[in-house]
């Protein structure tokens, strides 16, 4: 891997971490409907990384961001939720982006990622508390996933278009 690619990936990881930390200070916009739900601002960076560099690097950026975010906030337990959500959503987004991009825009890719993220987090929660009743909360989380996925997809799309960046621009890096 060349120096330019390392610099881009370090920058993307730092941006993802910064958004992760900033979001921890933002009150939950879905509090009355979905306690614990968040916008997932750091997922903007994950989606951008996926488009620019592919699965391996998107996973690397998202895993590093989740671990560093958990350590920086002191919320080690939440790190498990973040890691599970980041890994599952990144893989789902990659599959949709690679195999179904003629049917789904980045917004659709992001919605699928948000759905996967919430399923992964509920799975971790049900394992941690040994109670599968957590999945009663799934329909509410699915509904919030649609809204957050649209927001994240729109934002990532706007950022990529504004910067006029595509995966092809980085294929030689």
Protein backbone atom coordinates (compact mmCIF):
# COMPACT_ATOMS: atom_id res chain seq x y z
CA UNK A 1 0.00 0.00 0.00
CA UNK A 2 1.41 3.37 -0.94
CA UNK A 3 1.77 6.45 1.24
CA UNK A 4 -1.03 8.35 -0.49
CA UNK A 5 -3.53 5.56 0.19
CA UNK A 6 -2.44 5.29 3.83
CA UNK A 7 -2.91 9.05 4.22
CA UNK A 8 -6.42 8.92 2.71
CA UNK A 9 -7.41 5.98 4.90
CA UNK A 10 -6.00 7.64 8.03
CA UNK A 11 -7.94 10.79 7.18
CA UNK A 12 -11.15 8.83 6.62
CA UNK A 13 -10.67 6.93 9.89
CA UNK A 14 -10.09 10.22 11.73
CA UNK A 15 -13.19 11.79 10.17
CA UNK A 16 -15.26 8.73 11.09
CA UNK A 17 -13.95 8.85 14.65
CA UNK A 18 -14.66 12.58 14.91
CA UNK A 19 -18.25 12.10 13.69
CA UNK A 20 -18.64 9.13 16.07
CA UNK A 21 -17.57 11.29 19.03
CA UNK A 22 -19.56 14.37 17.94
CA UNK A 23 -22.69 12.25 17.60
CA UNK A 24 -22.33 11.03 21.18
CA UNK A 25 -23.06 14.62 22.27
CA UNK A 26 -26.15 15.02 20.07
CA UNK A 27 -29.48 14.22 21.76
CA UNK A 28 -31.35 11.30 20.21
CA UNK A 29 -33.66 12.73 17.52
CA UNK A 30 -35.86 9.62 17.84
CA UNK A 31 -36.08 9.59 21.66
CA UNK A 32 -39.86 9.36 21.89
CA UNK A 33 -40.07 6.69 19.20
CA UNK A 34 -36.81 4.74 19.37
CA UNK A 35 -34.69 5.16 22.49
CA UNK A 36 -31.05 4.41 21.71
CA UNK A 37 -31.38 5.11 17.98
CA UNK A 38 -28.84 7.45 16.41
CA UNK A 39 -28.31 9.03 13.02
CA UNK A 40 -25.08 7.09 12.46
CA UNK A 41 -23.06 10.03 11.18
CA UNK A 42 -19.83 8.02 11.10
CA UNK A 43 -21.48 5.69 8.59
CA UNK A 44 -21.20 8.50 6.04
CA UNK A 45 -17.45 7.93 6.10
CA UNK A 46 -17.87 4.16 5.93
CA UNK A 47 -20.00 4.46 2.80
CA UNK A 48 -17.60 6.93 1.19
CA UNK A 49 -14.68 4.60 1.95
CA UNK A 50 -16.58 1.66 0.48
CA UNK A 51 -17.15 3.54 -2.78
CA UNK A 52 -13.60 4.92 -2.98
CA UNK A 53 -11.54 1.94 -1.82
CA UNK A 54 -13.73 -1.17 -1.55
CA UNK A 55 -14.71 -3.66 1.13
CA UNK A 56 -11.36 -4.40 2.76
CA UNK A 57 -10.56 -0.76 3.45
CA UNK A 58 -14.12 0.16 4.42
CA UNK A 59 -14.07 -2.65 7.00
CA UNK A 60 -10.68 -1.47 8.26
CA UNK A 61 -11.85 2.15 8.63
CA UNK A 62 -15.12 1.14 10.31
CA UNK A 63 -13.52 -1.36 12.70
CA UNK A 64 -10.80 1.12 13.71
CA UNK A 65 -13.39 3.86 14.17
CA UNK A 66 -15.55 1.60 16.35
CA UNK A 67 -12.67 0.47 18.55
CA UNK A 68 -11.15 3.95 18.91
CA UNK A 69 -14.60 5.48 19.49
CA UNK A 70 -15.33 2.98 22.26
CA UNK A 71 -11.96 3.59 23.89
CA UNK A 72 -12.20 7.39 23.53
CA UNK A 73 -15.68 7.53 25.04
CA UNK A 74 -14.96 4.98 27.75
CA UNK A 75 -18.03 3.07 26.62
CA UNK A 76 -16.41 -0.33 26.11
CA UNK A 77 -19.77 -2.15 26.12
CA UNK A 78 -21.13 0.09 23.36
CA UNK A 79 -18.02 -0.76 21.35
CA UNK A 80 -19.41 -4.28 20.85
CA UNK A 81 -22.65 -2.88 19.43
CA UNK A 82 -20.72 -0.50 17.20
CA UNK A 83 -18.36 -3.21 15.94
CA UNK A 84 -21.14 -5.66 15.14
CA UNK A 85 -23.17 -2.99 13.37
CA UNK A 86 -20.17 -1.67 11.45
CA UNK A 87 -19.04 -5.09 10.22
CA UNK A 88 -22.49 -6.33 9.20
CA UNK A 89 -23.59 -3.08 7.59
CA UNK A 90 -20.34 -2.70 5.64
CA UNK A 91 -20.60 -6.22 4.23
CA UNK A 92 -24.27 -5.76 3.31
CA UNK A 93 -23.59 -2.40 1.67
CA UNK A 94 -20.71 -3.88 -0.32
CA UNK A 95 -22.88 -6.76 -1.58
CA UNK A 96 -25.70 -4.39 -2.61
CA UNK A 97 -23.24 -1.89 -4.14
CA UNK A 98 -21.34 -4.56 -6.10
CA UNK A 99 -24.20 -6.81 -7.18
CA UNK A 100 -27.29 -4.60 -7.27
CA UNK A 101 -26.05 -1.08 -8.02
CA UNK A 102 -28.11 -0.97 -11.20
CA UNK A 103 -31.21 -1.27 -9.00
CA UNK A 104 -30.14 0.73 -5.94
CA UNK A 105 -28.46 4.12 -5.61
CA UNK A 106 -26.10 4.89 -2.72
CA UNK A 107 -29.21 5.88 -0.79
CA UNK A 108 -30.64 2.39 -1.19
CA UNK A 109 -27.25 0.86 -0.38
CA UNK A 110 -27.19 2.96 2.80
CA UNK A 111 -30.72 1.92 3.82
CA UNK A 112 -29.75 -1.76 3.52
CA UNK A 113 -26.64 -1.02 5.58
CA UNK A 114 -28.72 0.71 8.26
CA UNK A 115 -31.12 -2.24 8.40
CA UNK A 116 -28.19 -4.66 8.80
CA UNK A 117 -26.59 -2.41 11.40
CA UNK A 118 -29.69 -2.47 13.59
CA UNK A 119 -30.19 -6.23 13.24
CA UNK A 120 -26.56 -6.77 14.28
CA UNK A 121 -26.91 -4.45 17.26
CA UNK A 122 -30.12 -6.11 18.45
CA UNK A 123 -28.44 -9.50 18.08
CA UNK A 124 -25.52 -8.37 20.25
CA UNK A 125 -27.94 -6.90 22.81
CA UNK A 126 -29.97 -10.11 22.97
CA UNK A 127 -26.79 -12.15 23.44
CA UNK A 128 -25.42 -9.79 26.12
CA UNK A 129 -28.59 -9.88 28.19
CA UNK A 130 -29.55 -13.45 27.22
CA UNK A 131 -32.99 -12.40 26.08
CA UNK A 132 -34.34 -12.74 22.55
CA UNK A 133 -37.26 -10.48 23.44
CA UNK A 134 -35.03 -7.63 22.30
CA UNK A 135 -36.25 -8.41 18.79
CA UNK A 136 -39.69 -7.04 19.71
CA UNK A 137 -37.95 -3.70 19.19
CA UNK A 138 -36.95 -4.67 15.64
CA UNK A 139 -39.90 -3.09 13.75
CA UNK A 140 -39.23 0.27 15.43
CA UNK A 141 -35.54 0.03 14.63
CA UNK A 142 -36.31 -0.94 11.03
CA UNK A 143 -38.44 2.17 10.64
CA UNK A 144 -35.70 4.42 12.01
CA UNK A 145 -33.20 2.60 9.74
CA UNK A 146 -35.08 3.78 6.69
CA UNK A 147 -34.85 7.43 7.75
CA UNK A 148 -31.24 7.27 8.93
CA UNK A 149 -30.20 5.24 5.88
CA UNK A 150 -31.72 7.83 3.56
CA UNK A 151 -29.98 10.66 5.43
CA UNK A 152 -26.58 8.89 5.42
CA UNK A 153 -26.91 7.87 1.76
CA UNK A 154 -27.90 11.37 0.67
CA UNK A 155 -25.03 12.91 2.62
CA UNK A 156 -22.43 10.43 1.30
CA UNK A 157 -23.75 10.89 -2.23
CA UNK A 158 -23.56 14.67 -1.89
CA UNK A 159 -20.01 14.51 -0.52
CA UNK A 160 -18.83 12.20 -3.30
CA UNK A 161 -20.51 14.33 -5.99
CA UNK A 162 -19.24 17.61 -4.52
CA UNK A 163 -15.70 16.31 -4.44
CA UNK A 164 -16.21 14.66 -7.85
CA UNK A 165 -14.71 11.50 -6.48
CA UNK A 166 -15.39 7.97 -7.60
CA UNK A 167 -13.80 4.61 -7.00
CA UNK A 168 -12.09 4.90 -10.40
CA UNK A 169 -10.17 7.96 -9.17
CA UNK A 170 -8.56 5.85 -6.45
CA UNK A 171 -8.07 2.56 -8.28
CA UNK A 172 -4.41 3.35 -8.96
CA UNK A 173 -3.64 4.31 -5.36
